Amino acid sequence: MPIEVPEHIEELCEEIAVIPDKGENIIKTAAYLHLQLKNCKYVV
């Protein structure tokens, strides 16, 4: 069964929460989030 969109977003938030230096590397963090959402099979 595919992951529901809210669950997918929750997982992404959990992943981002543990990124080291996310404040200093905000561009890398944003790029990661963008790619994860772009590769998502759901249209929101």
PDB file of N, CA and C in Angstrom:
ATOM      1  N   MET A   1       0.846  -1.179   0.000  1.00  0.00           N
ATOM      2  CA  MET A   1       0.000   0.000   0.000  1.00  0.00           C
ATOM      3  C   MET A   1       0.892   1.242   0.000  1.00  0.00           C
ATOM      4  N   PRO A   2       0.605   2.190  -0.881  1.00  0.00           N
ATOM      5  CA  PRO A   2       1.459   3.389  -0.945  1.00  0.00           C
ATOM      6  C   PRO A   2       1.343   4.246   0.305  1.00  0.00           C
ATOM      7  N   ILE A   3       2.408   4.972   0.561  1.00  0.00           N
ATOM      8  CA  ILE A   3       2.427   5.884   1.709  1.00  0.00           C
ATOM      9  C   ILE A   3       1.492   7.047   1.413  1.00  0.00           C
ATOM     10  N   GLU A   4       0.704   7.421   2.386  1.00  0.00           N
ATOM     11  CA  GLU A   4      -0.174   8.577   2.229  1.00  0.00           C
ATOM     12  C   GLU A   4       0.663   9.856   2.242  1.00  0.00           C
ATOM     13  N   VAL A   5       0.170  10.876   1.601  1.00  0.00           N
ATOM     14  CA  VAL A   5       0.904  12.138   1.499  1.00  0.00           C
ATOM     15  C   VAL A   5       1.261  12.711   2.869  1.00  0.00           C
ATOM     16  N   PRO A   6       0.314  12.806   3.825  1.00  0.00           N
ATOM     17  CA  PRO A   6       0.697  13.355   5.143  1.00  0.00           C
ATOM     18  C   PRO A   6       1.797  12.546   5.825  1.00  0.00           C
ATOM     19  N   GLU A   7       1.765  11.230   5.662  1.00  0.00           N
ATOM     20  CA  GLU A   7       2.806  10.388   6.254  1.00  0.00           C
ATOM     21  C   GLU A   7       4.149  10.650   5.577  1.00  0.00           C
ATOM     22  N   HIS A   8       4.124  10.831   4.265  1.00  0.00           N
ATOM     23  CA  HIS A   8       5.363  11.110   3.529  1.00  0.00           C
ATOM     24  C   HIS A   8       5.964  12.441   3.983  1.00  0.00           C
ATOM     25  N   ILE A   9       5.129  13.447   4.127  1.00  0.00           N
ATOM     26  CA  ILE A   9       5.608  14.756   4.582  1.00  0.00           C
ATOM     27  C   ILE A   9       6.152  14.661   6.002  1.00  0.00           C
ATOM     28  N   GLU A  10       5.485  13.892   6.854  1.00  0.00           N
ATOM     29  CA  GLU A  10       5.970  13.706   8.228  1.00  0.00           C
ATOM     30  C   GLU A  10       7.343  13.045   8.231  1.00  0.00           C
ATOM     31  N   GLU A  11       7.533  12.043   7.375  1.00  0.00           N
ATOM     32  CA  GLU A  11       8.834  11.380   7.276  1.00  0.00           C
ATOM     33  C   GLU A  11       9.913  12.361   6.804  1.00  0.00           C
ATOM     34  N   LEU A  12       9.575  13.201   5.832  1.00  0.00           N
ATOM     35  CA  LEU A  12      10.538  14.202   5.355  1.00  0.00           C
ATOM     36  C   LEU A  12      10.926  15.167   6.466  1.00  0.00           C
ATOM     37  N   CYS A  13       9.948  15.592   7.252  1.00  0.00           N
ATOM     38  CA  CYS A  13      10.234  16.505   8.367  1.00  0.00           C
ATOM     39  C   CYS A  13      11.156  15.847   9.383  1.00  0.00           C
ATOM     40  N   GLU A  14      10.938  14.558   9.637  1.00  0.00           N
ATOM     41  CA  GLU A  14      11.804  13.833  10.571  1.00  0.00           C
ATOM     42  C   GLU A  14      13.222  13.741  10.022  1.00  0.00           C
ATOM     43  N   GLU A  15      13.352  13.482   8.713  1.00  0.00           N
ATOM     44  CA  GLU A  15      14.678  13.409   8.098  1.00  0.00           C
ATOM     45  C   GLU A  15      15.392  14.759   8.171  1.00  0.00           C
ATOM     46  N   ILE A  16      14.668  15.816   7.887  1.00  0.00           N
ATOM     47  CA  ILE A  16      15.269  17.156   7.912  1.00  0.00           C
ATOM     48  C   ILE A  16      15.688  17.537   9.325  1.00  0.00           C
ATOM     49  N   ALA A  17      14.938  17.084  10.317  1.00  0.00           N
ATOM     50  CA  ALA A  17      15.244  17.428  11.707  1.00  0.00           C
ATOM     51  C   ALA A  17      16.620  16.928  12.134  1.00  0.00           C
ATOM     52  N   VAL A  18      17.114  15.860  11.517  1.00  0.00           N
ATOM     53  CA  VAL A  18      18.402  15.296  11.926  1.00  0.00           C
ATOM     54  C   VAL A  18      19.552  15.685  10.992  1.00  0.00           C
ATOM     55  N   ILE A  19      19.295  16.549  10.018  1.00  0.00           N
ATOM     56  CA  ILE A  19      20.372  16.998   9.133  1.00  0.00           C
ATOM     57  C   ILE A  19      21.314  17.892   9.934  1.00  0.00           C
ATOM     58  N   PRO A  20      22.604  17.536   9.985  1.00  0.00           N
ATOM     59  CA  PRO A  20      23.543  18.386  10.721  1.00  0.00           C
ATOM     60  C   PRO A  20      23.741  19.723  10.007  1.00  0.00           C
ATOM     61  N   ASP A  21      23.872  20.769  10.782  1.00  0.00           N
ATOM     62  CA  ASP A  21      24.137  22.114  10.251  1.00  0.00           C
ATOM     63  C   ASP A  21      23.071  22.583   9.260  1.00  0.00           C
ATOM     64  N   LYS A  22      21.830  22.150   9.469  1.00  0.00           N
ATOM     65  CA  LYS A  22      20.786  22.532   8.511  1.00  0.00           C
ATOM     66  C   LYS A  22      20.597  24.041   8.439  1.00  0.00           C
ATOM     67  N   GLY A  23      20.853  24.740   9.535  1.00  0.00           N
ATOM     68  CA  GLY A  23      20.747  26.196   9.505  1.00  0.00           C
ATOM     69  C   GLY A  23      21.836  26.831   8.673  1.00  0.00           C
ATOM     70  N   GLU A  24      23.033  26.270   8.760  1.00  0.00           N
ATOM     71  CA  GLU A  24      24.159  26.799   8.001  1.00  0.00           C
ATOM     72  C   GLU A  24      24.119  26.337   6.549  1.00  0.00           C
ATOM     73  N   ASN A  25      23.497  25.213   6.307  1.00  0.00           N
ATOM     74  CA  ASN A  25      23.406  24.662   4.956  1.00  0.00           C
ATOM     75  C   ASN A  25      21.961  24.687   4.474  1.00  0.00           C
ATOM     76  N   ILE A  26      21.313  25.823   4.642  1.00  0.00           N
ATOM     77  CA  ILE A  26      19.891  25.919   4.317  1.00  0.00           C
ATOM     78  C   ILE A  26      19.630  25.628   2.840  1.00  0.00           C
ATOM     79  N   ILE A  27      20.564  25.983   1.970  1.00  0.00           N
ATOM     80  CA  ILE A  27      20.388  25.711   0.538  1.00  0.00           C
ATOM     81  C   ILE A  27      20.404  24.207   0.289  1.00  0.00           C
ATOM     82  N   LYS A  28      21.332  23.493   0.926  1.00  0.00           N
ATOM     83  CA  LYS A  28      21.379  22.039   0.764  1.00  0.00           C
ATOM     84  C   LYS A  28      20.127  21.393   1.345  1.00  0.00           C
ATOM     85  N   THR A  29      19.673  21.898   2.476  1.00  0.00           N
ATOM     86  CA  THR A  29      18.462  21.366   3.095  1.00  0.00           C
ATOM     87  C   THR A  29      17.262  21.597   2.183  1.00  0.00           C
ATOM     88  N   ALA A  30      17.152  22.794   1.627  1.00  0.00           N
ATOM     89  CA  ALA A  30      16.047  23.107   0.716  1.00  0.00           C
ATOM     90  C   ALA A  30      16.119  22.253  -0.548  1.00  0.00           C
ATOM     91  N   ALA A  31      17.320  22.044  -1.061  1.00  0.00           N
ATOM     92  CA  ALA A  31      17.489  21.219  -2.257  1.00  0.00           C
ATOM     93  C   ALA A  31      17.076  19.779  -1.980  1.00  0.00           C
ATOM     94  N   TYR A  32      17.454  19.265  -0.817  1.00  0.00           N
ATOM     95  CA  TYR A  32      17.067  17.905  -0.435  1.00  0.00           C
ATOM     96  C   TYR A  32      15.548  17.786  -0.373  1.00  0.00           C
ATOM     97  N   LEU A  33      14.905  18.735   0.293  1.00  0.00           N
ATOM     98  CA  LEU A  33      13.451  18.717   0.412  1.00  0.00           C
ATOM     99  C   LEU A  33      12.806  18.805  -0.973  1.00  0.00           C
ATOM    100  N   HIS A  34      13.326  19.684  -1.812  1.00  0.00           N
ATOM    101  CA  HIS A  34      12.790  19.847  -3.163  1.00  0.00           C
ATOM    102  C   HIS A  34      12.887  18.539  -3.953  1.00  0.00           C
ATOM    103  N   LEU A  35      14.049  17.900  -3.914  1.00  0.00           N
ATOM    104  CA  LEU A  35      14.222  16.656  -4.661  1.00  0.00           C
ATOM    105  C   LEU A  35      13.330  15.546  -4.127  1.00  0.00           C
ATOM    106  N   GLN A  36      13.187  15.469  -2.820  1.00  0.00           N
ATOM    107  CA  GLN A  36      12.319  14.447  -2.249  1.00  0.00           C
ATOM    108  C   GLN A  36      10.871  14.657  -2.688  1.00  0.00           C
ATOM    109  N   LEU A  37      10.420  15.894  -2.687  1.00  0.00           N
ATOM    110  CA  LEU A  37       9.044  16.176  -3.109  1.00  0.00           C
ATOM    111  C   LEU A  37       8.883  15.982  -4.616  1.00  0.00           C
ATOM    112  N   LYS A  38       9.904  16.332  -5.379  1.00  0.00           N
ATOM    113  CA  LYS A  38       9.845  16.168  -6.831  1.00  0.00           C
ATOM    114  C   LYS A  38       9.779  14.689  -7.200  1.00  0.00           C
ATOM    115  N   ASN A  39      10.488  13.854  -6.448  1.00  0.00           N
ATOM    116  CA  ASN A  39      10.502  12.419  -6.719  1.00  0.00           C
ATOM    117  C   ASN A  39       9.296  11.697  -6.129  1.00  0.00           C
ATOM    118  N   CYS A  40       8.497  12.419  -5.378  1.00  0.00           N
ATOM    119  CA  CYS A  40       7.302  11.847  -4.769  1.00  0.00           C
ATOM    120  C   CYS A  40       6.316  11.482  -5.875  1.00  0.00           C
ATOM    121  N   LYS A  41       5.649  10.358  -5.716  1.00  0.00           N
ATOM    122  CA  LYS A  41       4.719   9.887  -6.738  1.00  0.00           C
ATOM    123  C   LYS A  41       3.336  10.498  -6.592  1.00  0.00           C
ATOM    124  N   TYR A  42       3.196  11.424  -5.683  1.00  0.00           N
ATOM    125  CA  TYR A  42       1.891  12.011  -5.415  1.00  0.00           C
ATOM    126  C   TYR A  42       1.821  13.415  -5.973  1.00  0.00           C
ATOM    127  N   VAL A  43       0.685  13.771  -6.466  1.00  0.00           N
ATOM    128  CA  VAL A  43       0.441  15.141  -6.900  1.00  0.00           C
ATOM    129  C   VAL A  43      -0.375  15.790  -5.810  1.00  0.00           C
ATOM    130  N   VAL A  44       0.186  16.837  -5.221  1.00  0.00           N
ATOM    131  CA  VAL A  44      -0.493  17.491  -4.098  1.00  0.00           C
ATOM    132  C   VAL A  44      -1.200  18.722  -4.603  1.00  0.00           C
TER     133      VAL A  44
END
